[in-house]
Amino acid sequence: MSDYSQQEQQLLRLRDELQQRLDAVNRDLSRSHSADSEERATERENDDTLNSLAAEAQDQLTQINRALERMHAGQYGHCEKCGQSIDTGRLQAVPFATLCIRCAEGSPHAH
């Protein structure tokens, strides 16, 4: 079994960064709004962007936590679809990957 300590550290760093980003976005969203109608319109647009950023960060946090759970369960590094090993380079680039590159691209595996 491969040692995934480098990927685990990367996942933990990413998780911390995303949590900090999500906290900052939530702080911005909870600020009070202007009484001026023109400023409120701009603030609503900004809030839409912040909500989108928050949803993206939350999705990535979910993927990272899932990868850490898979790691601790001994399932990390294996494709959820075909069961083959996920290439180390792919895991370094996308440490929360759950599919090998072939399954992610929808390509058939050579047998």
PDB file of N, CA and C in Angstrom:
ATOM      1  N   MET A   1       0.843  -1.193   0.000  1.00  0.00           N
ATOM      2  CA  MET A   1       0.000   0.000   0.000  1.00  0.00           C
ATOM      3  C   MET A   1       0.883   1.250   0.000  1.00  0.00           C
ATOM      4  N   SER A   2       0.531   2.198  -0.821  1.00  0.00           N
ATOM      5  CA  SER A   2       1.316   3.421  -0.943  1.00  0.00           C
ATOM      6  C   SER A   2       1.115   4.318   0.262  1.00  0.00           C
ATOM      7  N   ASP A   3       2.145   5.102   0.511  1.00  0.00           N
ATOM      8  CA  ASP A   3       2.070   6.092   1.580  1.00  0.00           C
ATOM      9  C   ASP A   3       1.544   7.390   0.983  1.00  0.00           C
ATOM     10  N   TYR A   4       0.414   7.846   1.468  1.00  0.00           N
ATOM     11  CA  TYR A   4      -0.223   9.042   0.944  1.00  0.00           C
ATOM     12  C   TYR A   4      -0.078  10.227   1.889  1.00  0.00           C
ATOM     13  N   SER A   5       0.990  10.256   2.691  1.00  0.00           N
ATOM     14  CA  SER A   5       1.147  11.337   3.664  1.00  0.00           C
ATOM     15  C   SER A   5       1.264  12.698   2.987  1.00  0.00           C
ATOM     16  N   GLN A   6       1.912  12.747   1.812  1.00  0.00           N
ATOM     17  CA  GLN A   6       2.028  14.017   1.091  1.00  0.00           C
ATOM     18  C   GLN A   6       0.645  14.502   0.652  1.00  0.00           C
ATOM     19  N   GLN A   7      -0.165  13.601   0.113  1.00  0.00           N
ATOM     20  CA  GLN A   7      -1.515  13.977  -0.303  1.00  0.00           C
ATOM     21  C   GLN A   7      -2.376  14.349   0.901  1.00  0.00           C
ATOM     22  N   GLU A   8      -2.180  13.653   2.017  1.00  0.00           N
ATOM     23  CA  GLU A   8      -2.952  13.982   3.213  1.00  0.00           C
ATOM     24  C   GLU A   8      -2.614  15.391   3.689  1.00  0.00           C
ATOM     25  N   GLN A   9      -1.339  15.733   3.713  1.00  0.00           N
ATOM     26  CA  GLN A   9      -0.943  17.082   4.126  1.00  0.00           C
ATOM     27  C   GLN A   9      -1.502  18.127   3.168  1.00  0.00           C
ATOM     28  N   GLN A  10      -1.485  17.820   1.881  1.00  0.00           N
ATOM     29  CA  GLN A  10      -2.034  18.736   0.882  1.00  0.00           C
ATOM     30  C   GLN A  10      -3.541  18.907   1.085  1.00  0.00           C
ATOM     31  N   LEU A  11      -4.232  17.813   1.353  1.00  0.00           N
ATOM     32  CA  LEU A  11      -5.675  17.881   1.602  1.00  0.00           C
ATOM     33  C   LEU A  11      -5.981  18.703   2.848  1.00  0.00           C
ATOM     34  N   LEU A  12      -5.205  18.517   3.889  1.00  0.00           N
ATOM     35  CA  LEU A  12      -5.425  19.272   5.128  1.00  0.00           C
ATOM     36  C   LEU A  12      -5.170  20.766   4.926  1.00  0.00           C
ATOM     37  N   ARG A  13      -4.124  21.099   4.156  1.00  0.00           N
ATOM     38  CA  ARG A  13      -3.854  22.514   3.849  1.00  0.00           C
ATOM     39  C   ARG A  13      -4.993  23.113   3.025  1.00  0.00           C
ATOM     40  N   LEU A  14      -5.428  22.378   2.005  1.00  0.00           N
ATOM     41  CA  LEU A  14      -6.539  22.850   1.176  1.00  0.00           C
ATOM     42  C   LEU A  14      -7.801  23.048   2.007  1.00  0.00           C
ATOM     43  N   ARG A  15      -8.050  22.095   2.900  1.00  0.00           N
ATOM     44  CA  ARG A  15      -9.247  22.184   3.749  1.00  0.00           C
ATOM     45  C   ARG A  15      -9.189  23.434   4.624  1.00  0.00           C
ATOM     46  N   ASP A  16      -8.030  23.700   5.211  1.00  0.00           N
ATOM     47  CA  ASP A  16      -7.878  24.900   6.045  1.00  0.00           C
ATOM     48  C   ASP A  16      -8.068  26.173   5.230  1.00  0.00           C
ATOM     49  N   GLU A  17      -7.460  26.225   4.039  1.00  0.00           N
ATOM     50  CA  GLU A  17      -7.594  27.403   3.180  1.00  0.00           C
ATOM     51  C   GLU A  17      -9.049  27.632   2.773  1.00  0.00           C
ATOM     52  N   LEU A  18      -9.717  26.557   2.388  1.00  0.00           N
ATOM     53  CA  LEU A  18     -11.113  26.679   1.976  1.00  0.00           C
ATOM     54  C   LEU A  18     -12.004  27.100   3.134  1.00  0.00           C
ATOM     55  N   GLN A  19     -11.742  26.572   4.319  1.00  0.00           N
ATOM     56  CA  GLN A  19     -12.544  26.945   5.478  1.00  0.00           C
ATOM     57  C   GLN A  19     -12.360  28.418   5.800  1.00  0.00           C
ATOM     58  N   GLN A  20     -11.131  28.913   5.700  1.00  0.00           N
ATOM     59  CA  GLN A  20     -10.875  30.336   5.936  1.00  0.00           C
ATOM     60  C   GLN A  20     -11.597  31.185   4.886  1.00  0.00           C
ATOM     61  N   ARG A  21     -11.551  30.753   3.622  1.00  0.00           N
ATOM     62  CA  ARG A  21     -12.235  31.477   2.552  1.00  0.00           C
ATOM     63  C   ARG A  21     -13.743  31.480   2.785  1.00  0.00           C
ATOM     64  N   LEU A  22     -14.278  30.332   3.170  1.00  0.00           N
ATOM     65  CA  LEU A  22     -15.713  30.224   3.425  1.00  0.00           C
ATOM     66  C   LEU A  22     -16.120  31.103   4.608  1.00  0.00           C
ATOM     67  N   ASP A  23     -15.320  31.134   5.654  1.00  0.00           N
ATOM     68  CA  ASP A  23     -15.596  31.997   6.804  1.00  0.00           C
ATOM     69  C   ASP A  23     -15.610  33.463   6.391  1.00  0.00           C
ATOM     70  N   ALA A  24     -14.645  33.866   5.546  1.00  0.00           N
ATOM     71  CA  ALA A  24     -14.579  35.262   5.081  1.00  0.00           C
ATOM     72  C   ALA A  24     -15.798  35.605   4.233  1.00  0.00           C
ATOM     73  N   VAL A  25     -16.200  34.701   3.362  1.00  0.00           N
ATOM     74  CA  VAL A  25     -17.381  34.932   2.521  1.00  0.00           C
ATOM     75  C   VAL A  25     -18.622  35.062   3.397  1.00  0.00           C
ATOM     76  N   ASN A  26     -18.754  34.190   4.375  1.00  0.00           N
ATOM     77  CA  ASN A  26     -19.920  34.256   5.261  1.00  0.00           C
ATOM     78  C   ASN A  26     -19.942  35.547   6.068  1.00  0.00           C
ATOM     79  N   ARG A  27     -18.768  36.023   6.478  1.00  0.00           N
ATOM     80  CA  ARG A  27     -18.708  37.316   7.173  1.00  0.00           C
ATOM     81  C   ARG A  27     -19.183  38.440   6.252  1.00  0.00           C
ATOM     82  N   ASP A  28     -18.719  38.406   5.003  1.00  0.00           N
ATOM     83  CA  ASP A  28     -19.138  39.425   4.041  1.00  0.00           C
ATOM     84  C   ASP A  28     -20.637  39.368   3.786  1.00  0.00           C
ATOM     85  N   LEU A  29     -21.186  38.172   3.719  1.00  0.00           N
ATOM     86  CA  LEU A  29     -22.621  38.027   3.456  1.00  0.00           C
ATOM     87  C   LEU A  29     -23.468  38.509   4.634  1.00  0.00           C
ATOM     88  N   SER A  30     -22.922  38.446   5.828  1.00  0.00           N
ATOM     89  CA  SER A  30     -23.703  38.820   7.005  1.00  0.00           C
ATOM     90  C   SER A  30     -23.616  40.314   7.335  1.00  0.00           C
ATOM     91  N   ARG A  31     -22.844  41.049   6.563  1.00  0.00           N
ATOM     92  CA  ARG A  31     -22.723  42.490   6.827  1.00  0.00           C
ATOM     93  C   ARG A  31     -24.063  43.175   6.553  1.00  0.00           C
ATOM     94  N   SER A  32     -24.238  44.346   7.109  1.00  0.00           N
ATOM     95  CA  SER A  32     -25.483  45.086   6.894  1.00  0.00           C
ATOM     96  C   SER A  32     -25.473  45.706   5.505  1.00  0.00           C
ATOM     97  N   HIS A  33     -26.670  45.913   4.977  1.00  0.00           N
ATOM     98  CA  HIS A  33     -26.822  46.450   3.637  1.00  0.00           C
ATOM     99  C   HIS A  33     -27.180  47.927   3.685  1.00  0.00           C
ATOM    100  N   SER A  34     -26.893  48.585   2.611  1.00  0.00           N
ATOM    101  CA  SER A  34     -27.134  50.022   2.470  1.00  0.00           C
ATOM    102  C   SER A  34     -28.625  50.314   2.328  1.00  0.00           C
ATOM    103  N   ALA A  35     -29.006  51.506   2.729  1.00  0.00           N
ATOM    104  CA  ALA A  35     -30.392  51.956   2.554  1.00  0.00           C
ATOM    105  C   ALA A  35     -30.616  52.491   1.145  1.00  0.00           C
ATOM    106  N   ASP A  36     -29.549  52.858   0.465  1.00  0.00           N
ATOM    107  CA  ASP A  36     -29.635  53.412  -0.885  1.00  0.00           C
ATOM    108  C   ASP A  36     -29.981  52.297  -1.882  1.00  0.00           C
ATOM    109  N   SER A  37     -31.016  52.511  -2.700  1.00  0.00           N
ATOM    110  CA  SER A  37     -31.490  51.462  -3.601  1.00  0.00           C
ATOM    111  C   SER A  37     -30.460  51.088  -4.664  1.00  0.00           C
ATOM    112  N   GLU A  38     -29.708  52.038  -5.162  1.00  0.00           N
ATOM    113  CA  GLU A  38     -28.682  51.741  -6.168  1.00  0.00           C
ATOM    114  C   GLU A  38     -27.564  50.914  -5.557  1.00  0.00           C
ATOM    115  N   GLU A  39     -27.165  51.283  -4.356  1.00  0.00           N
ATOM    116  CA  GLU A  39     -26.128  50.510  -3.666  1.00  0.00           C
ATOM    117  C   GLU A  39     -26.631  49.113  -3.314  1.00  0.00           C
ATOM    118  N   ARG A  40     -27.911  48.997  -2.943  1.00  0.00           N
ATOM    119  CA  ARG A  40     -28.488  47.682  -2.623  1.00  0.00           C
ATOM    120  C   ARG A  40     -28.448  46.765  -3.840  1.00  0.00           C
ATOM    121  N   ALA A  41     -28.714  47.310  -5.030  1.00  0.00           N
ATOM    122  CA  ALA A  41     -28.667  46.504  -6.249  1.00  0.00           C
ATOM    123  C   ALA A  41     -27.263  45.949  -6.471  1.00  0.00           C
ATOM    124  N   THR A  42     -26.260  46.789  -6.280  1.00  0.00           N
ATOM    125  CA  THR A  42     -24.874  46.342  -6.420  1.00  0.00           C
ATOM    126  C   THR A  42     -24.539  45.316  -5.345  1.00  0.00           C
ATOM    127  N   GLU A  43     -25.004  45.557  -4.132  1.00  0.00           N
ATOM    128  CA  GLU A  43     -24.754  44.611  -3.039  1.00  0.00           C
ATOM    129  C   GLU A  43     -25.398  43.261  -3.319  1.00  0.00           C
ATOM    130  N   ARG A  44     -26.598  43.266  -3.923  1.00  0.00           N
ATOM    131  CA  ARG A  44     -27.259  41.996  -4.261  1.00  0.00           C
ATOM    132  C   ARG A  44     -26.439  41.223  -5.293  1.00  0.00           C
ATOM    133  N   GLU A  45     -25.886  41.945  -6.271  1.00  0.00           N
ATOM    134  CA  GLU A  45     -25.026  41.286  -7.260  1.00  0.00           C
ATOM    135  C   GLU A  45     -23.789  40.700  -6.576  1.00  0.00           C
ATOM    136  N   ASN A  46     -23.207  41.483  -5.680  1.00  0.00           N
ATOM    137  CA  ASN A  46     -22.047  40.989  -4.935  1.00  0.00           C
ATOM    138  C   ASN A  46     -22.421  39.779  -4.084  1.00  0.00           C
ATOM    139  N   ASP A  47     -23.600  39.827  -3.457  1.00  0.00           N
ATOM    140  CA  ASP A  47     -24.054  38.707  -2.639  1.00  0.00           C
ATOM    141  C   ASP A  47     -24.240  37.448  -3.489  1.00  0.00           C
ATOM    142  N   ASP A  48     -24.747  37.614  -4.714  1.00  0.00           N
ATOM    143  CA  ASP A  48     -24.901  36.465  -5.606  1.00  0.00           C
ATOM    144  C   ASP A  48     -23.546  35.837  -5.905  1.00  0.00           C
ATOM    145  N   THR A  49     -22.554  36.681  -6.166  1.00  0.00           N
ATOM    146  CA  THR A  49     -21.204  36.193  -6.425  1.00  0.00           C
ATOM    147  C   THR A  49     -20.642  35.502  -5.187  1.00  0.00           C
ATOM    148  N   LEU A  50     -20.834  36.121  -4.017  1.00  0.00           N
ATOM    149  CA  LEU A  50     -20.346  35.520  -2.772  1.00  0.00           C
ATOM    150  C   LEU A  50     -21.038  34.189  -2.494  1.00  0.00           C
ATOM    151  N   ASN A  51     -22.331  34.108  -2.748  1.00  0.00           N
ATOM    152  CA  ASN A  51     -23.050  32.845  -2.554  1.00  0.00           C
ATOM    153  C   ASN A  51     -22.510  31.761  -3.478  1.00  0.00           C
ATOM    154  N   SER A  52     -22.192  32.135  -4.695  1.00  0.00           N
ATOM    155  CA  SER A  52     -21.616  31.193  -5.647  1.00  0.00           C
ATOM    156  C   SER A  52     -20.247  30.712  -5.167  1.00  0.00           C
ATOM    157  N   LEU A  53     -19.428  31.645  -4.685  1.00  0.00           N
ATOM    158  CA  LEU A  53     -18.114  31.282  -4.145  1.00  0.00           C
ATOM    159  C   LEU A  53     -18.248  30.378  -2.924  1.00  0.00           C
ATOM    160  N   ALA A  54     -19.215  30.677  -2.073  1.00  0.00           N
ATOM    161  CA  ALA A  54     -19.436  29.857  -0.875  1.00  0.00           C
ATOM    162  C   ALA A  54     -19.858  28.447  -1.259  1.00  0.00           C
ATOM    163  N   ALA A  55     -20.742  28.321  -2.236  1.00  0.00           N
ATOM    164  CA  ALA A  55     -21.195  26.997  -2.672  1.00  0.00           C
ATOM    165  C   ALA A  55     -20.038  26.199  -3.258  1.00  0.00           C
ATOM    166  N   GLU A  56     -19.190  26.865  -4.041  1.00  0.00           N
ATOM    167  CA  GLU A  56     -18.030  26.192  -4.626  1.00  0.00           C
ATOM    168  C   GLU A  56     -17.062  25.737  -3.539  1.00  0.00           C
ATOM    169  N   ALA A  57     -16.787  26.602  -2.577  1.00  0.00           N
ATOM    170  CA  ALA A  57     -15.890  26.248  -1.478  1.00  0.00           C
ATOM    171  C   ALA A  57     -16.465  25.105  -0.656  1.00  0.00           C
ATOM    172  N   GLN A  58     -17.761  25.136  -0.405  1.00  0.00           N
ATOM    173  CA  GLN A  58     -18.401  24.065   0.371  1.00  0.00           C
ATOM    174  C   GLN A  58     -18.327  22.734  -0.378  1.00  0.00           C
ATOM    175  N   ASP A  59     -18.523  22.768  -1.696  1.00  0.00           N
ATOM    176  CA  ASP A  59     -18.415  21.559  -2.509  1.00  0.00           C
ATOM    177  C   ASP A  59     -17.004  20.983  -2.440  1.00  0.00           C
ATOM    178  N   GLN A  60     -16.006  21.853  -2.552  1.00  0.00           N
ATOM    179  CA  GLN A  60     -14.624  21.382  -2.466  1.00  0.00           C
ATOM    180  C   GLN A  60     -14.297  20.845  -1.075  1.00  0.00           C
ATOM    181  N   LEU A  61     -14.823  21.495  -0.037  1.00  0.00           N
ATOM    182  CA  LEU A  61     -14.617  20.988   1.332  1.00  0.00           C
ATOM    183  C   LEU A  61     -15.202  19.587   1.479  1.00  0.00           C
ATOM    184  N   THR A  62     -16.381  19.382   0.912  1.00  0.00           N
ATOM    185  CA  THR A  62     -17.021  18.065   0.961  1.00  0.00           C
ATOM    186  C   THR A  62     -16.146  17.021   0.272  1.00  0.00           C
ATOM    187  N   GLN A  63     -15.603  17.372  -0.900  1.00  0.00           N
ATOM    188  CA  GLN A  63     -14.738  16.444  -1.633  1.00  0.00           C
ATOM    189  C   GLN A  63     -13.465  16.134  -0.852  1.00  0.00           C
ATOM    190  N   ILE A  64     -12.903  17.147  -0.226  1.00  0.00           N
ATOM    191  CA  ILE A  64     -11.677  16.952   0.553  1.00  0.00           C
ATOM    192  C   ILE A  64     -11.952  16.065   1.765  1.00  0.00           C
ATOM    193  N   ASN A  65     -13.029  16.330   2.482  1.00  0.00           N
ATOM    194  CA  ASN A  65     -13.364  15.508   3.647  1.00  0.00           C
ATOM    195  C   ASN A  65     -13.644  14.066   3.226  1.00  0.00           C
ATOM    196  N   ARG A  66     -14.273  13.897   2.090  1.00  0.00           N
ATOM    197  CA  ARG A  66     -14.542  12.550   1.574  1.00  0.00           C
ATOM    198  C   ARG A  66     -13.232  11.837   1.245  1.00  0.00           C
ATOM    199  N   ALA A  67     -12.281  12.568   0.645  1.00  0.00           N
ATOM    200  CA  ALA A  67     -10.980  11.980   0.326  1.00  0.00           C
ATOM    201  C   ALA A  67     -10.246  11.569   1.603  1.00  0.00           C
ATOM    202  N   LEU A  68     -10.313  12.417   2.626  1.00  0.00           N
ATOM    203  CA  LEU A  68      -9.664  12.078   3.905  1.00  0.00           C
ATOM    204  C   LEU A  68     -10.319  10.850   4.531  1.00  0.00           C
ATOM    205  N   GLU A  69     -11.633  10.747   4.441  1.00  0.00           N
ATOM    206  CA  GLU A  69     -12.331   9.554   4.952  1.00  0.00           C
ATOM    207  C   GLU A  69     -11.900   8.310   4.192  1.00  0.00           C
ATOM    208  N   ARG A  70     -11.795   8.424   2.866  1.00  0.00           N
ATOM    209  CA  ARG A  70     -11.349   7.296   2.047  1.00  0.00           C
ATOM    210  C   ARG A  70      -9.918   6.903   2.414  1.00  0.00           C
ATOM    211  N   MET A  71      -9.091   7.915   2.694  1.00  0.00           N
ATOM    212  CA  MET A  71      -7.707   7.653   3.060  1.00  0.00           C
ATOM    213  C   MET A  71      -7.652   6.841   4.351  1.00  0.00           C
ATOM    214  N   HIS A  72      -8.413   7.269   5.347  1.00  0.00           N
ATOM    215  CA  HIS A  72      -8.396   6.586   6.644  1.00  0.00           C
ATOM    216  C   HIS A  72      -9.058   5.213   6.583  1.00  0.00           C
ATOM    217  N   ALA A  73      -9.914   4.997   5.593  1.00  0.00           N
ATOM    218  CA  ALA A  73     -10.571   3.698   5.416  1.00  0.00           C
ATOM    219  C   ALA A  73      -9.760   2.766   4.511  1.00  0.00           C
ATOM    220  N   GLY A  74      -8.610   3.261   4.003  1.00  0.00           N
ATOM    221  CA  GLY A  74      -7.777   2.440   3.131  1.00  0.00           C
ATOM    222  C   GLY A  74      -8.297   2.343   1.706  1.00  0.00           C
ATOM    223  N   GLN A  75      -9.193   3.238   1.314  1.00  0.00           N
ATOM    224  CA  GLN A  75      -9.763   3.208  -0.032  1.00  0.00           C
ATOM    225  C   GLN A  75      -9.195   4.290  -0.930  1.00  0.00           C
ATOM    226  N   TYR A  76      -8.405   5.174  -0.377  1.00  0.00           N
ATOM    227  CA  TYR A  76      -7.845   6.293  -1.137  1.00  0.00           C
ATOM    228  C   TYR A  76      -6.887   5.775  -2.201  1.00  0.00           C
ATOM    229  N   GLY A  77      -6.916   6.413  -3.358  1.00  0.00           N
ATOM    230  CA  GLY A  77      -6.002   6.041  -4.426  1.00  0.00           C
ATOM    231  C   GLY A  77      -6.541   4.969  -5.346  1.00  0.00           C
ATOM    232  N   HIS A  78      -7.770   4.527  -5.092  1.00  0.00           N
ATOM    233  CA  HIS A  78      -8.412   3.535  -5.949  1.00  0.00           C
ATOM    234  C   HIS A  78      -9.674   4.136  -6.540  1.00  0.00           C
ATOM    235  N   CYS A  79      -9.863   3.923  -7.819  1.00  0.00           N
ATOM    236  CA  CYS A  79     -11.008   4.469  -8.538  1.00  0.00           C
ATOM    237  C   CYS A  79     -12.308   3.893  -7.981  1.00  0.00           C
ATOM    238  N   GLU A  80     -13.244   4.785  -7.679  1.00  0.00           N
ATOM    239  CA  GLU A  80     -14.544   4.346  -7.166  1.00  0.00           C
ATOM    240  C   GLU A  80     -15.362   3.610  -8.212  1.00  0.00           C
ATOM    241  N   LYS A  81     -15.058   3.827  -9.473  1.00  0.00           N
ATOM    242  CA  LYS A  81     -15.852   3.215 -10.540  1.00  0.00           C
ATOM    243  C   LYS A  81     -15.299   1.860 -10.969  1.00  0.00           C
ATOM    244  N   CYS A  82     -13.985   1.809 -11.269  1.00  0.00           N
ATOM    245  CA  CYS A  82     -13.420   0.562 -11.799  1.00  0.00           C
ATOM    246  C   CYS A  82     -12.532  -0.170 -10.798  1.00  0.00           C
ATOM    247  N   GLY A  83     -12.140   0.497  -9.709  1.00  0.00           N
ATOM    248  CA  GLY A  83     -11.327  -0.129  -8.688  1.00  0.00           C
ATOM    249  C   GLY A  83      -9.833  -0.108  -8.948  1.00  0.00           C
ATOM    250  N   GLN A  84      -9.418   0.345 -10.129  1.00  0.00           N
ATOM    251  CA  GLN A  84      -7.991   0.395 -10.434  1.00  0.00           C
ATOM    252  C   GLN A  84      -7.334   1.546  -9.669  1.00  0.00           C
ATOM    253  N   SER A  85      -6.018   1.472  -9.572  1.00  0.00           N
ATOM    254  CA  SER A  85      -5.269   2.526  -8.888  1.00  0.00           C
ATOM    255  C   SER A  85      -5.351   3.823  -9.676  1.00  0.00           C
ATOM    256  N   ILE A  86      -5.471   4.921  -8.936  1.00  0.00           N
ATOM    257  CA  ILE A  86      -5.430   6.248  -9.545  1.00  0.00           C
ATOM    258  C   ILE A  86      -3.966   6.646  -9.619  1.00  0.00           C
ATOM    259  N   ASP A  87      -3.543   7.108 -10.781  1.00  0.00           N
ATOM    260  CA  ASP A  87      -2.162   7.503 -11.009  1.00  0.00           C
ATOM    261  C   ASP A  87      -1.708   8.525  -9.960  1.00  0.00           C
ATOM    262  N   THR A  88      -0.502   8.346  -9.466  1.00  0.00           N
ATOM    263  CA  THR A  88       0.053   9.233  -8.450  1.00  0.00           C
ATOM    264  C   THR A  88       0.083  10.680  -8.924  1.00  0.00           C
ATOM    265  N   GLY A  89       0.413  10.903 -10.184  1.00  0.00           N
ATOM    266  CA  GLY A  89       0.426  12.258 -10.730  1.00  0.00           C
ATOM    267  C   GLY A  89      -0.941  12.910 -10.663  1.00  0.00           C
ATOM    268  N   ARG A  90      -1.977  12.123 -10.923  1.00  0.00           N
ATOM    269  CA  ARG A  90      -3.345  12.651 -10.834  1.00  0.00           C
ATOM    270  C   ARG A  90      -3.667  13.021  -9.391  1.00  0.00           C
ATOM    271  N   LEU A  91      -3.275  12.178  -8.444  1.00  0.00           N
ATOM    272  CA  LEU A  91      -3.540  12.458  -7.035  1.00  0.00           C
ATOM    273  C   LEU A  91      -2.748  13.668  -6.545  1.00  0.00           C
ATOM    274  N   GLN A  92      -1.574  13.879  -7.112  1.00  0.00           N
ATOM    275  CA  GLN A  92      -0.813  15.067  -6.728  1.00  0.00           C
ATOM    276  C   GLN A  92      -1.487  16.320  -7.274  1.00  0.00           C
ATOM    277  N   ALA A  93      -2.032  16.231  -8.486  1.00  0.00           N
ATOM    278  CA  ALA A  93      -2.696  17.385  -9.101  1.00  0.00           C
ATOM    279  C   ALA A  93      -4.081  17.618  -8.516  1.00  0.00           C
ATOM    280  N   VAL A  94      -4.798  16.524  -8.260  1.00  0.00           N
ATOM    281  CA  VAL A  94      -6.168  16.591  -7.731  1.00  0.00           C
ATOM    282  C   VAL A  94      -6.243  15.598  -6.566  1.00  0.00           C
ATOM    283  N   PRO A  95      -5.790  16.013  -5.385  1.00  0.00           N
ATOM    284  CA  PRO A  95      -5.688  15.054  -4.276  1.00  0.00           C
ATOM    285  C   PRO A  95      -7.020  14.491  -3.793  1.00  0.00           C
ATOM    286  N   PHE A  96      -8.140  15.092  -4.213  1.00  0.00           N
ATOM    287  CA  PHE A  96      -9.442  14.560  -3.814  1.00  0.00           C
ATOM    288  C   PHE A  96     -10.102  13.776  -4.944  1.00  0.00           C
ATOM    289  N   ALA A  97      -9.313  13.404  -5.965  1.00  0.00           N
ATOM    290  CA  ALA A  97      -9.852  12.625  -7.082  1.00  0.00           C
ATOM    291  C   ALA A  97     -10.359  11.272  -6.585  1.00  0.00           C
ATOM    292  N   THR A  98     -11.526  10.880  -7.073  1.00  0.00           N
ATOM    293  CA  THR A  98     -12.083   9.574  -6.706  1.00  0.00           C
ATOM    294  C   THR A  98     -12.154   8.645  -7.909  1.00  0.00           C
ATOM    295  N   LEU A  99     -11.845   9.174  -9.082  1.00  0.00           N
ATOM    296  CA  LEU A  99     -11.871   8.388 -10.304  1.00  0.00           C
ATOM    297  C   LEU A  99     -10.513   8.425 -10.984  1.00  0.00           C
ATOM    298  N   CYS A 100     -10.127   7.317 -11.601  1.00  0.00           N
ATOM    299  CA  CYS A 100      -8.917   7.332 -12.418  1.00  0.00           C
ATOM    300  C   CYS A 100      -9.199   8.208 -13.633  1.00  0.00           C
ATOM    301  N   ILE A 101      -8.168   8.572 -14.342  1.00  0.00           N
ATOM    302  CA  ILE A 101      -8.324   9.501 -15.464  1.00  0.00           C
ATOM    303  C   ILE A 101      -9.233   8.916 -16.546  1.00  0.00           C
ATOM    304  N   ARG A 102      -9.143   7.613 -16.794  1.00  0.00           N
ATOM    305  CA  ARG A 102      -9.985   7.003 -17.824  1.00  0.00           C
ATOM    306  C   ARG A 102     -11.460   7.080 -17.454  1.00  0.00           C
ATOM    307  N   CYS A 103     -11.780   6.764 -16.213  1.00  0.00           N
ATOM    308  CA  CYS A 103     -13.191   6.823 -15.787  1.00  0.00           C
ATOM    309  C   CYS A 103     -13.672   8.281 -15.738  1.00  0.00           C
ATOM    310  N   ALA A 104     -12.797   9.181 -15.322  1.00  0.00           N
ATOM    311  CA  ALA A 104     -13.171  10.599 -15.261  1.00  0.00           C
ATOM    312  C   ALA A 104     -13.477  11.139 -16.652  1.00  0.00           C
ATOM    313  N   GLU A 105     -12.753  10.653 -17.655  1.00  0.00           N
ATOM    314  CA  GLU A 105     -12.967  11.103 -19.025  1.00  0.00           C
ATOM    315  C   GLU A 105     -14.014  10.273 -19.746  1.00  0.00           C
ATOM    316  N   GLY A 106     -14.449   9.179 -19.114  1.00  0.00           N
ATOM    317  CA  GLY A 106     -15.445   8.321 -19.745  1.00  0.00           C
ATOM    318  C   GLY A 106     -14.856   7.388 -20.786  1.00  0.00           C
ATOM    319  N   SER A 107     -13.534   7.227 -20.764  1.00  0.00           N
ATOM    320  CA  SER A 107     -12.863   6.342 -21.726  1.00  0.00           C
ATOM    321  C   SER A 107     -12.920   4.905 -21.226  1.00  0.00           C
ATOM    322  N   PRO A 108     -13.057   3.954 -22.152  1.00  0.00           N
ATOM    323  CA  PRO A 108     -13.043   2.536 -21.726  1.00  0.00           C
ATOM    324  C   PRO A 108     -11.644   2.109 -21.332  1.00  0.00           C
ATOM    325  N   HIS A 109     -11.554   1.179 -20.382  1.00  0.00           N
ATOM    326  CA  HIS A 109     -10.266   0.631 -19.947  1.00  0.00           C
ATOM    327  C   HIS A 109      -9.855  -0.473 -20.895  1.00  0.00           C
ATOM    328  N   ALA A 110      -8.574  -0.545 -21.156  1.00  0.00           N
ATOM    329  CA  ALA A 110      -8.036  -1.658 -21.940  1.00  0.00           C
ATOM    330  C   ALA A 110      -7.903  -2.850 -21.004  1.00  0.00           C
ATOM    331  N   HIS A 111      -8.333  -3.982 -21.431  1.00  0.00           N
ATOM    332  CA  HIS A 111      -8.243  -5.189 -20.581  1.00  0.00           C
ATOM    333  C   HIS A 111      -7.183  -6.116 -21.068  1.00  0.00           C
TER     334      HIS A 111
END
